[in-house]
Amino acid sequence: MIAIILGSFFCLLIFVMLASNPGNKLIQNKNTKRHLLNLLTAYVGGFLFVVIVRLFEAPGPEGSSFNLFYDVLDGRSWRIGRDNFEDFFFAFIITYIIVFIRNQYKKT
């Protein structure tokens, strides 16, 4: 699941970067470009939330410390129904809602 999430993030990021060049006409509509950038922001918000939660959970009574690979990037904790996926999905939705409301507020 982590491979799908990171892969889709980087594909979307590369598409937006290539399409936003002045010579390319892939994304002509500003609303489409804004929506894609909102999705990228939601991805980053979801991933950062997972990292922050794991940072707060890391210092346990056993004296364990935070390890990015084992705590965040480990594929077993990204399966559906596990902690990282649930935290990412929750933060992704909340971040997208916040960005959407902010954009609606700026329109008025």
Protein backbone atom coordinates (compact mmCIF):
# COMPACT_ATOMS: atom_id res chain seq x y z
CA MET A 1 0.00 0.00 0.00
CA ILE A 2 2.88 2.39 0.73
CA ALA A 3 4.18 1.78 -2.79
CA ILE A 4 0.79 2.70 -4.27
CA ILE A 5 0.50 5.85 -2.15
CA LEU A 6 4.04 7.07 -2.81
CA GLY A 7 3.89 6.04 -6.47
CA SER A 8 0.66 7.91 -7.10
CA PHE A 9 2.03 10.95 -5.25
CA PHE A 10 5.20 11.08 -7.35
CA CYS A 11 3.30 10.44 -10.60
CA LEU A 12 0.91 13.27 -9.79
CA LEU A 13 3.80 15.52 -8.81
CA ILE A 14 5.69 14.82 -12.05
CA PHE A 15 2.53 15.36 -14.10
CA VAL A 16 1.86 18.73 -12.47
CA MET A 17 5.49 19.77 -12.90
CA LEU A 18 5.54 18.83 -16.58
CA ALA A 19 2.12 20.28 -17.30
CA SER A 20 2.79 23.60 -15.60
CA ASN A 21 5.60 24.57 -17.97
CA PRO A 22 4.60 27.62 -20.04
CA GLY A 23 5.02 25.73 -23.34
CA ASN A 24 2.79 22.79 -22.38
CA LYS A 25 -0.96 23.01 -22.77
CA LEU A 26 -1.84 19.84 -20.81
CA ILE A 27 -3.60 21.69 -18.02
CA GLN A 28 -5.35 24.67 -19.55
CA ASN A 29 -8.05 25.03 -16.92
CA LYS A 30 -6.99 26.79 -13.71
CA ASN A 31 -9.56 24.86 -11.68
CA THR A 32 -8.04 21.54 -12.76
CA LYS A 33 -4.57 22.73 -11.81
CA ARG A 34 -5.86 23.99 -8.45
CA HIS A 35 -7.55 20.63 -7.80
CA LEU A 36 -4.35 18.71 -8.58
CA LEU A 37 -2.33 20.97 -6.28
CA ASN A 38 -4.96 20.44 -3.55
CA LEU A 39 -4.50 16.67 -3.95
CA LEU A 40 -0.72 17.03 -3.63
CA THR A 41 -1.20 19.10 -0.47
CA ALA A 42 -3.52 16.44 0.96
CA TYR A 43 -0.92 13.72 0.23
CA VAL A 44 1.77 15.68 2.05
CA GLY A 45 -0.59 16.42 4.95
CA GLY A 46 -1.47 12.75 5.30
CA PHE A 47 2.12 11.58 5.20
CA LEU A 48 3.31 14.24 7.66
CA PHE A 49 0.53 13.28 10.06
CA VAL A 50 1.72 9.66 9.99
CA VAL A 51 5.31 10.75 10.70
CA ILE A 52 4.24 13.05 13.55
CA VAL A 53 2.08 10.36 15.17
CA ARG A 54 4.94 7.85 14.99
CA LEU A 55 7.32 10.46 16.46
CA PHE A 56 5.03 10.92 19.46
CA GLU A 57 4.59 7.17 19.93
CA ALA A 58 8.29 6.30 19.59
CA PRO A 59 9.71 7.10 23.03
CA GLY A 60 8.30 4.14 24.90
CA PRO A 61 9.23 2.60 28.23
CA GLU A 62 11.66 0.23 26.51
CA GLY A 63 13.85 3.17 25.47
CA SER A 64 13.08 2.70 21.78
CA SER A 65 13.70 5.55 19.40
CA PHE A 66 12.10 6.72 16.17
CA ASN A 67 13.28 5.00 12.98
CA LEU A 68 11.82 6.32 9.72
CA PHE A 69 12.13 3.02 7.89
CA TYR A 70 10.71 0.72 10.57
CA ASP A 71 8.07 3.09 11.95
CA VAL A 72 6.79 4.78 8.78
CA LEU A 73 8.02 3.11 5.59
CA ASP A 74 7.57 -0.49 6.70
CA GLY A 75 5.09 -2.12 4.32
CA ARG A 76 3.37 -4.23 6.97
CA SER A 77 1.97 -1.21 8.80
CA TRP A 78 0.44 0.23 5.59
CA ARG A 79 -2.07 -2.55 4.98
CA ILE A 80 -5.73 -1.66 5.10
CA GLY A 81 -6.85 -1.76 8.72
CA ARG A 82 -3.41 -1.00 10.14
CA ASP A 83 -2.29 2.15 11.93
CA ASN A 84 -0.34 3.99 9.23
CA PHE A 85 -2.97 3.56 6.54
CA GLU A 86 -5.79 4.67 8.84
CA ASP A 87 -3.83 7.71 10.02
CA PHE A 88 -2.88 8.63 6.45
CA PHE A 89 -6.45 8.26 5.18
CA PHE A 90 -7.84 10.34 8.06
CA ALA A 91 -5.28 13.13 7.61
CA PHE A 92 -5.65 13.06 3.80
CA ILE A 93 -9.41 13.65 4.05
CA ILE A 94 -9.11 16.32 6.76
CA THR A 95 -6.34 18.16 4.89
CA TYR A 96 -8.32 18.11 1.66
CA ILE A 97 -11.41 19.45 3.44
CA ILE A 98 -9.37 22.26 5.03
CA VAL A 99 -7.81 23.22 1.70
CA PHE A 100 -11.19 23.06 -0.04
CA ILE A 101 -12.81 25.31 2.58
CA ARG A 102 -9.89 27.73 2.38
CA ASN A 103 -10.24 27.95 -1.40
CA GLN A 104 -14.00 28.49 -1.13
CA TYR A 105 -13.40 31.23 1.41
CA LYS A 106 -10.87 32.95 -0.85
CA LYS A 107 -13.39 32.95 -3.73
CA THR A 108 -15.87 35.08 -1.78
